[in-house]
Amino acid sequence: MFRERLTEIRRVVAGARVVCLAAGDGIAVETVGGEDLDVEVLVAEFVAMAKGVASEQRAIGVGETVRLEIETKEWVVILHRLRGDYYLVLALEAGQPVGRARFELQRAAPRFENELA
């Protein structure tokens, strides 16, 4: 069930290289794409980063992190936090429009949350 949803996100987001459902410990639950990446390391590092940012945000009282986006010269990585300490992780090629990626992650989030409950 997760694989089909992740595949659909990858299909409709231009430049999407990998889409992943990750647990809060940084372990990939299900992954689509990313054959040319070390997805396990990417997911573990970016989830750890997101958790660190979330901790700091709580400490200064600005609320919970919903989405974290990191852009490098080659990639844009978006983490969308789900209820229950899970994340949707999407990596796309730099230069691609990220609006559609954000939209698709936000649109898919409730369906993933229902299945994870």
Protein backbone atom coordinates (compact mmCIF):
# COMPACT_ATOMS: atom_id res chain seq x y z
CA MET A 1 0.00 0.00 0.00
CA PHE A 2 2.81 2.47 0.82
CA ARG A 3 4.77 1.61 -2.32
CA GLU A 4 1.83 2.49 -4.59
CA ARG A 5 1.37 5.88 -2.93
CA LEU A 6 5.09 6.67 -3.08
CA THR A 7 5.22 5.60 -6.73
CA GLU A 8 2.37 7.95 -7.57
CA ILE A 9 4.13 10.88 -5.87
CA ARG A 10 7.32 10.14 -7.80
CA ARG A 11 5.37 9.88 -11.05
CA VAL A 12 3.73 13.32 -10.75
CA VAL A 13 6.65 15.31 -9.32
CA ALA A 14 9.05 16.44 -12.04
CA GLY A 15 12.64 15.52 -11.25
CA ALA A 16 11.77 13.31 -8.26
CA ARG A 17 14.59 10.80 -7.77
CA VAL A 18 13.51 9.14 -4.54
CA VAL A 19 10.41 9.15 -2.36
CA CYS A 20 10.49 7.43 0.99
CA LEU A 21 8.39 6.77 4.05
CA ALA A 22 10.79 6.93 6.99
CA ALA A 23 10.40 6.22 10.68
CA GLY A 24 11.55 8.75 13.26
CA ASP A 25 14.67 6.70 13.94
CA GLY A 26 15.82 7.36 10.37
CA ILE A 27 15.06 3.89 9.04
CA ALA A 28 13.37 3.77 5.63
CA VAL A 29 10.08 1.87 5.86
CA GLU A 30 9.45 1.92 2.10
CA THR A 31 11.38 3.56 -0.72
CA VAL A 32 10.73 4.18 -4.41
CA GLY A 33 13.62 5.21 -6.64
CA GLY A 34 17.04 6.29 -5.53
CA GLU A 35 19.00 3.62 -7.30
CA ASP A 36 21.88 6.08 -7.77
CA LEU A 37 21.84 7.31 -4.14
CA ASP A 38 22.70 5.86 -0.77
CA VAL A 39 19.11 6.26 0.34
CA GLU A 40 19.62 4.74 3.79
CA VAL A 41 22.28 7.31 4.65
CA LEU A 42 20.36 10.18 3.08
CA VAL A 43 17.21 9.34 5.02
CA ALA A 44 19.01 8.73 8.32
CA GLU A 45 20.95 12.00 8.12
CA PHE A 46 18.05 14.17 7.04
CA VAL A 47 15.63 12.71 9.60
CA ALA A 48 18.23 13.33 12.32
CA MET A 49 18.57 16.90 11.08
CA ALA A 50 14.79 17.38 11.08
CA LYS A 51 14.52 16.06 14.63
CA GLY A 52 17.28 18.44 15.75
CA VAL A 53 15.49 21.40 14.17
CA ALA A 54 12.20 20.32 15.75
CA SER A 55 13.83 20.12 19.17
CA GLU A 56 15.23 23.64 18.82
CA GLN A 57 11.88 24.97 17.62
CA ARG A 58 10.14 23.50 20.65
CA ALA A 59 12.80 25.00 22.92
CA ILE A 60 12.24 28.51 21.58
CA GLY A 61 8.46 28.09 21.46
CA VAL A 62 7.71 28.51 17.75
CA GLY A 63 5.77 25.28 17.36
CA GLU A 64 6.26 21.91 15.73
CA THR A 65 8.10 21.40 12.47
CA VAL A 66 5.78 20.41 9.65
CA ARG A 67 8.22 20.47 6.74
CA LEU A 68 11.96 20.87 6.35
CA GLU A 69 13.50 21.64 2.99
CA ILE A 70 17.22 21.56 2.21
CA GLU A 71 18.57 22.74 -1.14
CA THR A 72 22.07 21.97 -2.42
CA LYS A 73 23.60 22.62 -5.82
CA GLU A 74 22.46 19.19 -7.02
CA TRP A 75 19.42 18.23 -4.90
CA VAL A 76 16.41 19.49 -3.04
CA VAL A 77 15.36 17.26 -0.16
CA ILE A 78 11.97 17.80 1.46
CA LEU A 79 10.90 16.11 4.67
CA HIS A 80 7.21 16.29 5.56
CA ARG A 81 6.48 15.22 9.13
CA LEU A 82 3.64 12.81 9.70
CA ARG A 83 1.83 12.09 12.92
CA GLY A 84 3.34 9.27 14.94
CA ASP A 85 6.99 10.16 14.29
CA TYR A 86 7.12 9.29 10.60
CA TYR A 87 8.30 11.36 7.65
CA LEU A 88 7.73 11.51 3.93
CA VAL A 89 11.08 12.21 2.29
CA LEU A 90 11.37 13.38 -1.29
CA ALA A 91 14.63 14.12 -3.09
CA LEU A 92 14.49 15.86 -6.43
CA GLU A 93 17.01 17.32 -8.82
CA ALA A 94 17.96 20.95 -8.16
CA GLY A 95 16.31 23.36 -10.55
CA GLN A 96 13.00 21.50 -10.60
CA PRO A 97 9.93 23.34 -9.30
CA VAL A 98 9.41 22.39 -5.67
CA GLY A 99 5.86 23.70 -5.34
CA ARG A 100 4.36 20.56 -6.83
CA ALA A 101 6.54 18.41 -4.58
CA ARG A 102 5.37 20.25 -1.46
CA PHE A 103 1.76 20.02 -2.60
CA GLU A 104 1.92 16.29 -3.32
CA LEU A 105 3.53 15.52 0.06
CA GLN A 106 0.93 17.61 1.88
CA ARG A 107 -1.88 15.97 -0.09
CA ALA A 108 -0.58 12.46 0.59
CA ALA A 109 0.11 13.00 4.29
CA PRO A 110 -3.41 12.26 5.62
CA ARG A 111 -3.60 8.98 3.70
CA PHE A 112 -0.26 7.81 5.09
CA GLU A 113 -1.26 8.91 8.60
CA ASN A 114 -4.51 6.93 8.40
CA GLU A 115 -2.64 3.81 7.32
CA LEU A 116 -0.01 4.24 10.03
CA ALA A 117 -2.58 4.71 12.81
